[in-house]
Amino acid sequence: GIVGVLQEACTHAGVPAVSLWAAVPHYVSQPPNPKATLALLNRLEDLIGLRIPLGELPEDARAWQLGVDQLASEDSEVAEYVQTLEEARDTAE
């Protein structure tokens, strides 16, 4: 994709480049996803050694997760599906 093309061009030009990705379950992949954004910014902080002002993002991420959990708990079919996915992930790890 375009990210790979840009990273390759940077490498050939001698420009350091990095690509960060957040693993997001497909059932919550539609933006905005403050939890994924927070994970990416935390990793970027680790890489560059600087603190990034996060503002209300940590609170937004917690609220987002609570909302996802609540939606899943209100629909038994969705809750069962999420549980199946989590068990499959745990088995793979």
PDB file of N, CA and C in Angstrom:
ATOM      1  N   GLY A   1       0.802  -1.172   0.000  1.00  0.00           N
ATOM      2  CA  GLY A   1       0.000   0.000   0.000  1.00  0.00           C
ATOM      3  C   GLY A   1       0.861   1.258   0.000  1.00  0.00           C
ATOM      4  N   ILE A   2       0.221   2.376   0.110  1.00  0.00           N
ATOM      5  CA  ILE A   2       0.906   3.665   0.057  1.00  0.00           C
ATOM      6  C   ILE A   2       1.887   3.834   1.205  1.00  0.00           C
ATOM      7  N   VAL A   3       1.580   3.283   2.369  1.00  0.00           N
ATOM      8  CA  VAL A   3       2.491   3.408   3.512  1.00  0.00           C
ATOM      9  C   VAL A   3       3.815   2.730   3.194  1.00  0.00           C
ATOM     10  N   GLY A   4       3.757   1.546   2.615  1.00  0.00           N
ATOM     11  CA  GLY A   4       4.975   0.834   2.238  1.00  0.00           C
ATOM     12  C   GLY A   4       5.758   1.563   1.165  1.00  0.00           C
ATOM     13  N   VAL A   5       5.054   2.128   0.199  1.00  0.00           N
ATOM     14  CA  VAL A   5       5.708   2.885  -0.874  1.00  0.00           C
ATOM     15  C   VAL A   5       6.437   4.092  -0.297  1.00  0.00           C
ATOM     16  N   LEU A   6       5.771   4.827   0.591  1.00  0.00           N
ATOM     17  CA  LEU A   6       6.402   6.006   1.195  1.00  0.00           C
ATOM     18  C   LEU A   6       7.594   5.616   2.063  1.00  0.00           C
ATOM     19  N   GLN A   7       7.459   4.540   2.824  1.00  0.00           N
ATOM     20  CA  GLN A   7       8.569   4.114   3.674  1.00  0.00           C
ATOM     21  C   GLN A   7       9.763   3.679   2.824  1.00  0.00           C
ATOM     22  N   GLU A   8       9.510   2.973   1.755  1.00  0.00           N
ATOM     23  CA  GLU A   8      10.576   2.548   0.854  1.00  0.00           C
ATOM     24  C   GLU A   8      11.255   3.760   0.216  1.00  0.00           C
ATOM     25  N   ALA A   9      10.484   4.747  -0.199  1.00  0.00           N
ATOM     26  CA  ALA A   9      11.056   5.963  -0.786  1.00  0.00           C
ATOM     27  C   ALA A   9      11.925   6.694   0.231  1.00  0.00           C
ATOM     28  N   CYS A  10      11.464   6.762   1.463  1.00  0.00           N
ATOM     29  CA  CYS A  10      12.259   7.404   2.516  1.00  0.00           C
ATOM     30  C   CYS A  10      13.562   6.652   2.740  1.00  0.00           C
ATOM     31  N   THR A  11      13.492   5.336   2.778  1.00  0.00           N
ATOM     32  CA  THR A  11      14.689   4.520   2.979  1.00  0.00           C
ATOM     33  C   THR A  11      15.702   4.778   1.872  1.00  0.00           C
ATOM     34  N   HIS A  12      15.246   4.785   0.627  1.00  0.00           N
ATOM     35  CA  HIS A  12      16.149   5.038  -0.502  1.00  0.00           C
ATOM     36  C   HIS A  12      16.724   6.449  -0.468  1.00  0.00           C
ATOM     37  N   ALA A  13      15.988   7.390   0.099  1.00  0.00           N
ATOM     38  CA  ALA A  13      16.460   8.778   0.184  1.00  0.00           C
ATOM     39  C   ALA A  13      17.302   9.013   1.436  1.00  0.00           C
ATOM     40  N   GLY A  14      17.459   7.985   2.266  1.00  0.00           N
ATOM     41  CA  GLY A  14      18.244   8.139   3.488  1.00  0.00           C
ATOM     42  C   GLY A  14      17.497   8.837   4.607  1.00  0.00           C
ATOM     43  N   VAL A  15      16.196   8.886   4.508  1.00  0.00           N
ATOM     44  CA  VAL A  15      15.370   9.531   5.524  1.00  0.00           C
ATOM     45  C   VAL A  15      14.815   8.450   6.449  1.00  0.00           C
ATOM     46  N   PRO A  16      15.116   8.540   7.746  1.00  0.00           N
ATOM     47  CA  PRO A  16      14.564   7.535   8.664  1.00  0.00           C
ATOM     48  C   PRO A  16      13.036   7.573   8.638  1.00  0.00           C
ATOM     49  N   ALA A  17      12.448   6.405   8.640  1.00  0.00           N
ATOM     50  CA  ALA A  17      10.985   6.320   8.600  1.00  0.00           C
ATOM     51  C   ALA A  17      10.528   5.141   9.443  1.00  0.00           C
ATOM     52  N   VAL A  18       9.357   5.275   9.979  1.00  0.00           N
ATOM     53  CA  VAL A  18       8.755   4.192  10.747  1.00  0.00           C
ATOM     54  C   VAL A  18       7.260   4.199  10.470  1.00  0.00           C
ATOM     55  N   SER A  19       6.680   3.049  10.547  1.00  0.00           N
ATOM     56  CA  SER A  19       5.246   2.913  10.346  1.00  0.00           C
ATOM     57  C   SER A  19       4.676   2.243  11.587  1.00  0.00           C
ATOM     58  N   LEU A  20       3.687   2.868  12.192  1.00  0.00           N
ATOM     59  CA  LEU A  20       3.067   2.317  13.394  1.00  0.00           C
ATOM     60  C   LEU A  20       1.656   1.862  13.062  1.00  0.00           C
ATOM     61  N   TRP A  21       1.302   0.715  13.595  1.00  0.00           N
ATOM     62  CA  TRP A  21      -0.024   0.155  13.373  1.00  0.00           C
ATOM     63  C   TRP A  21      -0.613  -0.246  14.711  1.00  0.00           C
ATOM     64  N   ALA A  22      -1.902  -0.090  14.842  1.00  0.00           N
ATOM     65  CA  ALA A  22      -2.605  -0.542  16.045  1.00  0.00           C
ATOM     66  C   ALA A  22      -3.509  -1.706  15.648  1.00  0.00           C
ATOM     67  N   ALA A  23      -3.380  -2.792  16.386  1.00  0.00           N
ATOM     68  CA  ALA A  23      -4.258  -3.939  16.146  1.00  0.00           C
ATOM     69  C   ALA A  23      -5.637  -3.613  16.713  1.00  0.00           C
ATOM     70  N   VAL A  24      -6.616  -3.576  15.847  1.00  0.00           N
ATOM     71  CA  VAL A  24      -7.978  -3.224  16.247  1.00  0.00           C
ATOM     72  C   VAL A  24      -8.915  -4.317  15.746  1.00  0.00           C
ATOM     73  N   PRO A  25      -9.709  -4.909  16.632  1.00  0.00           N
ATOM     74  CA  PRO A  25     -10.655  -5.925  16.173  1.00  0.00           C
ATOM     75  C   PRO A  25     -11.584  -5.356  15.100  1.00  0.00           C
ATOM     76  N   HIS A  26     -11.884  -6.164  14.113  1.00  0.00           N
ATOM     77  CA  HIS A  26     -12.674  -5.675  12.979  1.00  0.00           C
ATOM     78  C   HIS A  26     -14.056  -5.186  13.382  1.00  0.00           C
ATOM     79  N   TYR A  27     -14.580  -5.693  14.490  1.00  0.00           N
ATOM     80  CA  TYR A  27     -15.934  -5.295  14.878  1.00  0.00           C
ATOM     81  C   TYR A  27     -15.977  -3.909  15.517  1.00  0.00           C
ATOM     82  N   VAL A  28     -14.823  -3.293  15.741  1.00  0.00           N
ATOM     83  CA  VAL A  28     -14.764  -1.912  16.252  1.00  0.00           C
ATOM     84  C   VAL A  28     -13.758  -1.086  15.448  1.00  0.00           C
ATOM     85  N   SER A  29     -13.595  -1.420  14.181  1.00  0.00           N
ATOM     86  CA  SER A  29     -12.539  -0.781  13.390  1.00  0.00           C
ATOM     87  C   SER A  29     -12.907   0.581  12.818  1.00  0.00           C
ATOM     88  N   GLN A  30     -14.155   0.977  12.919  1.00  0.00           N
ATOM     89  CA  GLN A  30     -14.553   2.270  12.361  1.00  0.00           C
ATOM     90  C   GLN A  30     -14.063   3.411  13.251  1.00  0.00           C
ATOM     91  N   PRO A  31     -13.448   4.435  12.652  1.00  0.00           N
ATOM     92  CA  PRO A  31     -13.018   5.585  13.454  1.00  0.00           C
ATOM     93  C   PRO A  31     -14.212   6.380  13.953  1.00  0.00           C
ATOM     94  N   PRO A  32     -14.059   7.140  14.981  1.00  0.00           N
ATOM     95  CA  PRO A  32     -12.830   7.291  15.761  1.00  0.00           C
ATOM     96  C   PRO A  32     -12.666   6.142  16.750  1.00  0.00           C
ATOM     97  N   ASN A  33     -11.416   5.846  17.052  1.00  0.00           N
ATOM     98  CA  ASN A  33     -11.084   4.822  18.028  1.00  0.00           C
ATOM     99  C   ASN A  33     -10.002   5.411  18.934  1.00  0.00           C
ATOM    100  N   PRO A  34     -10.407   6.128  19.983  1.00  0.00           N
ATOM    101  CA  PRO A  34      -9.422   6.783  20.843  1.00  0.00           C
ATOM    102  C   PRO A  34      -8.491   5.807  21.544  1.00  0.00           C
ATOM    103  N   LYS A  35      -8.929   4.581  21.772  1.00  0.00           N
ATOM    104  CA  LYS A  35      -8.055   3.592  22.407  1.00  0.00           C
ATOM    105  C   LYS A  35      -6.874   3.259  21.488  1.00  0.00           C
ATOM    106  N   ALA A  36      -7.143   3.066  20.205  1.00  0.00           N
ATOM    107  CA  ALA A  36      -6.077   2.789  19.244  1.00  0.00           C
ATOM    108  C   ALA A  36      -5.177   4.011  19.064  1.00  0.00           C
ATOM    109  N   THR A  37      -5.777   5.186  19.007  1.00  0.00           N
ATOM    110  CA  THR A  37      -4.996   6.416  18.880  1.00  0.00           C
ATOM    111  C   THR A  37      -4.046   6.568  20.058  1.00  0.00           C
ATOM    112  N   LEU A  38      -4.541   6.311  21.258  1.00  0.00           N
ATOM    113  CA  LEU A  38      -3.714   6.405  22.457  1.00  0.00           C
ATOM    114  C   LEU A  38      -2.568   5.398  22.406  1.00  0.00           C
ATOM    115  N   ALA A  39      -2.846   4.176  21.983  1.00  0.00           N
ATOM    116  CA  ALA A  39      -1.798   3.154  21.881  1.00  0.00           C
ATOM    117  C   ALA A  39      -0.708   3.588  20.903  1.00  0.00           C
ATOM    118  N   LEU A  40      -1.104   4.146  19.770  1.00  0.00           N
ATOM    119  CA  LEU A  40      -0.126   4.614  18.785  1.00  0.00           C
ATOM    120  C   LEU A  40       0.713   5.766  19.329  1.00  0.00           C
ATOM    121  N   LEU A  41       0.073   6.712  19.990  1.00  0.00           N
ATOM    122  CA  LEU A  41       0.818   7.848  20.543  1.00  0.00           C
ATOM    123  C   LEU A  41       1.756   7.407  21.655  1.00  0.00           C
ATOM    124  N   ASN A  42       1.335   6.452  22.482  1.00  0.00           N
ATOM    125  CA  ASN A  42       2.220   5.943  23.531  1.00  0.00           C
ATOM    126  C   ASN A  42       3.450   5.279  22.931  1.00  0.00           C
ATOM    127  N   ARG A  43       3.262   4.513  21.871  1.00  0.00           N
ATOM    128  CA  ARG A  43       4.399   3.863  21.207  1.00  0.00           C
ATOM    129  C   ARG A  43       5.300   4.906  20.561  1.00  0.00           C
ATOM    130  N   LEU A  44       4.716   5.929  19.962  1.00  0.00           N
ATOM    131  CA  LEU A  44       5.510   6.999  19.363  1.00  0.00           C
ATOM    132  C   LEU A  44       6.344   7.701  20.426  1.00  0.00           C
ATOM    133  N   GLU A  45       5.750   7.940  21.593  1.00  0.00           N
ATOM    134  CA  GLU A  45       6.506   8.543  22.702  1.00  0.00           C
ATOM    135  C   GLU A  45       7.718   7.685  23.047  1.00  0.00           C
ATOM    136  N   ASP A  46       7.518   6.374  23.104  1.00  0.00           N
ATOM    137  CA  ASP A  46       8.626   5.462  23.404  1.00  0.00           C
ATOM    138  C   ASP A  46       9.722   5.565  22.352  1.00  0.00           C
ATOM    139  N   LEU A  47       9.329   5.663  21.097  1.00  0.00           N
ATOM    140  CA  LEU A  47      10.301   5.695  20.005  1.00  0.00           C
ATOM    141  C   LEU A  47      11.100   6.990  19.956  1.00  0.00           C
ATOM    142  N   ILE A  48      10.431   8.105  20.194  1.00  0.00           N
ATOM    143  CA  ILE A  48      11.125   9.390  20.047  1.00  0.00           C
ATOM    144  C   ILE A  48      11.651   9.938  21.364  1.00  0.00           C
ATOM    145  N   GLY A  49      11.256   9.326  22.466  1.00  0.00           N
ATOM    146  CA  GLY A  49      11.756   9.763  23.769  1.00  0.00           C
ATOM    147  C   GLY A  49      11.201  11.094  24.231  1.00  0.00           C
ATOM    148  N   LEU A  50      10.052  11.470  23.738  1.00  0.00           N
ATOM    149  CA  LEU A  50       9.413  12.720  24.141  1.00  0.00           C
ATOM    150  C   LEU A  50       7.993  12.443  24.597  1.00  0.00           C
ATOM    151  N   ARG A  51       7.508  13.288  25.502  1.00  0.00           N
ATOM    152  CA  ARG A  51       6.117  13.182  25.942  1.00  0.00           C
ATOM    153  C   ARG A  51       5.239  13.974  24.974  1.00  0.00           C
ATOM    154  N   ILE A  52       4.144  13.388  24.584  1.00  0.00           N
ATOM    155  CA  ILE A  52       3.186  14.039  23.699  1.00  0.00           C
ATOM    156  C   ILE A  52       1.980  14.437  24.543  1.00  0.00           C
ATOM    157  N   PRO A  53       1.591  15.708  24.521  1.00  0.00           N
ATOM    158  CA  PRO A  53       0.402  16.106  25.287  1.00  0.00           C
ATOM    159  C   PRO A  53      -0.824  15.336  24.782  1.00  0.00           C
ATOM    160  N   LEU A  54      -1.455  14.606  25.678  1.00  0.00           N
ATOM    161  CA  LEU A  54      -2.565  13.744  25.288  1.00  0.00           C
ATOM    162  C   LEU A  54      -3.930  14.349  25.573  1.00  0.00           C
ATOM    163  N   GLY A  55      -3.948  15.447  26.332  1.00  0.00           N
ATOM    164  CA  GLY A  55      -5.226  16.081  26.637  1.00  0.00           C
ATOM    165  C   GLY A  55      -6.194  15.111  27.281  1.00  0.00           C
ATOM    166  N   GLU A  56      -7.382  15.034  26.741  1.00  0.00           N
ATOM    167  CA  GLU A  56      -8.424  14.168  27.291  1.00  0.00           C
ATOM    168  C   GLU A  56      -8.450  12.786  26.646  1.00  0.00           C
ATOM    169  N   LEU A  57      -7.456  12.484  25.815  1.00  0.00           N
ATOM    170  CA  LEU A  57      -7.461  11.214  25.091  1.00  0.00           C
ATOM    171  C   LEU A  57      -7.511   9.986  26.006  1.00  0.00           C
ATOM    172  N   PRO A  58      -6.760   9.932  27.119  1.00  0.00           N
ATOM    173  CA  PRO A  58      -6.878   8.748  27.993  1.00  0.00           C
ATOM    174  C   PRO A  58      -8.301   8.546  28.523  1.00  0.00           C
ATOM    175  N   GLU A  59      -8.958   9.635  28.899  1.00  0.00           N
ATOM    176  CA  GLU A  59     -10.340   9.529  29.374  1.00  0.00           C
ATOM    177  C   GLU A  59     -11.275   9.118  28.234  1.00  0.00           C
ATOM    178  N   ASP A  60     -11.037   9.667  27.047  1.00  0.00           N
ATOM    179  CA  ASP A  60     -11.842   9.296  25.878  1.00  0.00           C
ATOM    180  C   ASP A  60     -11.681   7.809  25.559  1.00  0.00           C
ATOM    181  N   ALA A  61     -10.449   7.309  25.687  1.00  0.00           N
ATOM    182  CA  ALA A  61     -10.193   5.889  25.414  1.00  0.00           C
ATOM    183  C   ALA A  61     -10.927   4.999  26.409  1.00  0.00           C
ATOM    184  N   ARG A  62     -10.897   5.385  27.687  1.00  0.00           N
ATOM    185  CA  ARG A  62     -11.618   4.602  28.702  1.00  0.00           C
ATOM    186  C   ARG A  62     -13.124   4.630  28.434  1.00  0.00           C
ATOM    187  N   ALA A  63     -13.649   5.802  28.116  1.00  0.00           N
ATOM    188  CA  ALA A  63     -15.084   5.928  27.834  1.00  0.00           C
ATOM    189  C   ALA A  63     -15.461   5.120  26.597  1.00  0.00           C
ATOM    190  N   TRP A  64     -14.612   5.144  25.593  1.00  0.00           N
ATOM    191  CA  TRP A  64     -14.867   4.383  24.374  1.00  0.00           C
ATOM    192  C   TRP A  64     -14.934   2.894  24.696  1.00  0.00           C
ATOM    193  N   GLN A  65     -13.965   2.401  25.489  1.00  0.00           N
ATOM    194  CA  GLN A  65     -13.941   0.983  25.851  1.00  0.00           C
ATOM    195  C   GLN A  65     -15.183   0.603  26.651  1.00  0.00           C
ATOM    196  N   LEU A  66     -15.577   1.465  27.578  1.00  0.00           N
ATOM    197  CA  LEU A  66     -16.797   1.199  28.349  1.00  0.00           C
ATOM    198  C   LEU A  66     -18.018   1.126  27.431  1.00  0.00           C
ATOM    199  N   GLY A  67     -18.070   2.011  26.448  1.00  0.00           N
ATOM    200  CA  GLY A  67     -19.179   1.998  25.497  1.00  0.00           C
ATOM    201  C   GLY A  67     -19.220   0.721  24.675  1.00  0.00           C
ATOM    202  N   VAL A  68     -18.061   0.273  24.213  1.00  0.00           N
ATOM    203  CA  VAL A  68     -17.985  -0.980  23.450  1.00  0.00           C
ATOM    204  C   VAL A  68     -18.417  -2.151  24.326  1.00  0.00           C
ATOM    205  N   ASP A  69     -17.907  -2.181  25.561  1.00  0.00           N
ATOM    206  CA  ASP A  69     -18.275  -3.257  26.489  1.00  0.00           C
ATOM    207  C   ASP A  69     -19.779  -3.260  26.757  1.00  0.00           C
ATOM    208  N   GLN A  70     -20.347  -2.071  26.924  1.00  0.00           N
ATOM    209  CA  GLN A  70     -21.779  -1.973  27.201  1.00  0.00           C
ATOM    210  C   GLN A  70     -22.603  -2.462  26.009  1.00  0.00           C
ATOM    211  N   LEU A  71     -22.220  -2.045  24.814  1.00  0.00           N
ATOM    212  CA  LEU A  71     -22.946  -2.497  23.623  1.00  0.00           C
ATOM    213  C   LEU A  71     -22.887  -4.014  23.484  1.00  0.00           C
ATOM    214  N   ALA A  72     -21.712  -4.578  23.744  1.00  0.00           N
ATOM    215  CA  ALA A  72     -21.571  -6.032  23.642  1.00  0.00           C
ATOM    216  C   ALA A  72     -22.412  -6.741  24.689  1.00  0.00           C
ATOM    217  N   SER A  73     -22.470  -6.182  25.892  1.00  0.00           N
ATOM    218  CA  SER A  73     -23.225  -6.838  26.964  1.00  0.00           C
ATOM    219  C   SER A  73     -24.736  -6.765  26.738  1.00  0.00           C
ATOM    220  N   GLU A  74     -25.178  -5.785  25.966  1.00  0.00           N
ATOM    221  CA  GLU A  74     -26.609  -5.615  25.706  1.00  0.00           C
ATOM    222  C   GLU A  74     -27.128  -6.527  24.601  1.00  0.00           C
ATOM    223  N   ASP A  75     -26.229  -7.121  23.846  1.00  0.00           N
ATOM    224  CA  ASP A  75     -26.624  -7.994  22.740  1.00  0.00           C
ATOM    225  C   ASP A  75     -25.923  -9.332  22.923  1.00  0.00           C
ATOM    226  N   SER A  76     -26.669 -10.351  23.305  1.00  0.00           N
ATOM    227  CA  SER A  76     -26.062 -11.645  23.621  1.00  0.00           C
ATOM    228  C   SER A  76     -25.326 -12.243  22.428  1.00  0.00           C
ATOM    229  N   GLU A  77     -25.823 -12.006  21.226  1.00  0.00           N
ATOM    230  CA  GLU A  77     -25.155 -12.530  20.033  1.00  0.00           C
ATOM    231  C   GLU A  77     -23.793 -11.869  19.842  1.00  0.00           C
ATOM    232  N   VAL A  78     -23.741 -10.560  20.022  1.00  0.00           N
ATOM    233  CA  VAL A  78     -22.474  -9.834  19.909  1.00  0.00           C
ATOM    234  C   VAL A  78     -21.528 -10.261  21.029  1.00  0.00           C
ATOM    235  N   ALA A  79     -22.040 -10.373  22.255  1.00  0.00           N
ATOM    236  CA  ALA A  79     -21.207 -10.778  23.388  1.00  0.00           C
ATOM    237  C   ALA A  79     -20.602 -12.158  23.147  1.00  0.00           C
ATOM    238  N   GLU A  80     -21.387 -13.073  22.631  1.00  0.00           N
ATOM    239  CA  GLU A  80     -20.884 -14.426  22.340  1.00  0.00           C
ATOM    240  C   GLU A  80     -19.823 -14.383  21.245  1.00  0.00           C
ATOM    241  N   TYR A  81     -20.052 -13.569  20.226  1.00  0.00           N
ATOM    242  CA  TYR A  81     -19.094 -13.433  19.130  1.00  0.00           C
ATOM    243  C   TYR A  81     -17.767 -12.874  19.637  1.00  0.00           C
ATOM    244  N   VAL A  82     -17.830 -11.824  20.453  1.00  0.00           N
ATOM    245  CA  VAL A  82     -16.617 -11.219  21.009  1.00  0.00           C
ATOM    246  C   VAL A  82     -15.882 -12.237  21.875  1.00  0.00           C
ATOM    247  N   GLN A  83     -16.608 -12.978  22.685  1.00  0.00           N
ATOM    248  CA  GLN A  83     -15.979 -13.983  23.542  1.00  0.00           C
ATOM    249  C   GLN A  83     -15.273 -15.045  22.694  1.00  0.00           C
ATOM    250  N   THR A  84     -15.904 -15.479  21.619  1.00  0.00           N
ATOM    251  CA  THR A  84     -15.294 -16.462  20.724  1.00  0.00           C
ATOM    252  C   THR A  84     -14.005 -15.919  20.121  1.00  0.00           C
ATOM    253  N   LEU A  85     -14.023 -14.665  19.685  1.00  0.00           N
ATOM    254  CA  LEU A  85     -12.820 -14.049  19.117  1.00  0.00           C
ATOM    255  C   LEU A  85     -11.710 -13.937  20.151  1.00  0.00           C
ATOM    256  N   GLU A  86     -12.057 -13.537  21.378  1.00  0.00           N
ATOM    257  CA  GLU A  86     -11.053 -13.397  22.429  1.00  0.00           C
ATOM    258  C   GLU A  86     -10.455 -14.747  22.796  1.00  0.00           C
ATOM    259  N   GLU A  87     -11.279 -15.783  22.840  1.00  0.00           N
ATOM    260  CA  GLU A  87     -10.765 -17.120  23.140  1.00  0.00           C
ATOM    261  C   GLU A  87      -9.836 -17.600  22.032  1.00  0.00           C
ATOM    262  N   ALA A  88     -10.185 -17.326  20.792  1.00  0.00           N
ATOM    263  CA  ALA A  88      -9.329 -17.704  19.664  1.00  0.00           C
ATOM    264  C   ALA A  88      -7.995 -16.970  19.736  1.00  0.00           C
ATOM    265  N   ARG A  89      -8.036 -15.696  20.104  1.00  0.00           N
ATOM    266  CA  ARG A  89      -6.801 -14.923  20.244  1.00  0.00           C
ATOM    267  C   ARG A  89      -5.938 -15.491  21.358  1.00  0.00           C
ATOM    268  N   ASP A  90      -6.561 -15.802  22.491  1.00  0.00           N
ATOM    269  CA  ASP A  90      -5.819 -16.353  23.626  1.00  0.00           C
ATOM    270  C   ASP A  90      -5.185 -17.695  23.273  1.00  0.00           C
ATOM    271  N   THR A  91      -5.885 -18.511  22.506  1.00  0.00           N
ATOM    272  CA  THR A  91      -5.356 -19.807  22.088  1.00  0.00           C
ATOM    273  C   THR A  91      -4.166 -19.623  21.159  1.00  0.00           C
ATOM    274  N   ALA A  92      -4.244 -18.628  20.285  1.00  0.00           N
ATOM    275  CA  ALA A  92      -3.163 -18.362  19.329  1.00  0.00           C
ATOM    276  C   ALA A  92      -1.912 -17.839  20.014  1.00  0.00           C
ATOM    277  N   GLU A  93      -2.091 -17.146  21.126  1.00  0.00           N
ATOM    278  CA  GLU A  93      -0.938 -16.573  21.835  1.00  0.00           C
ATOM    279  C   GLU A  93      -0.270 -17.665  22.600  1.00  0.00           C
TER     280      GLU A  93
END
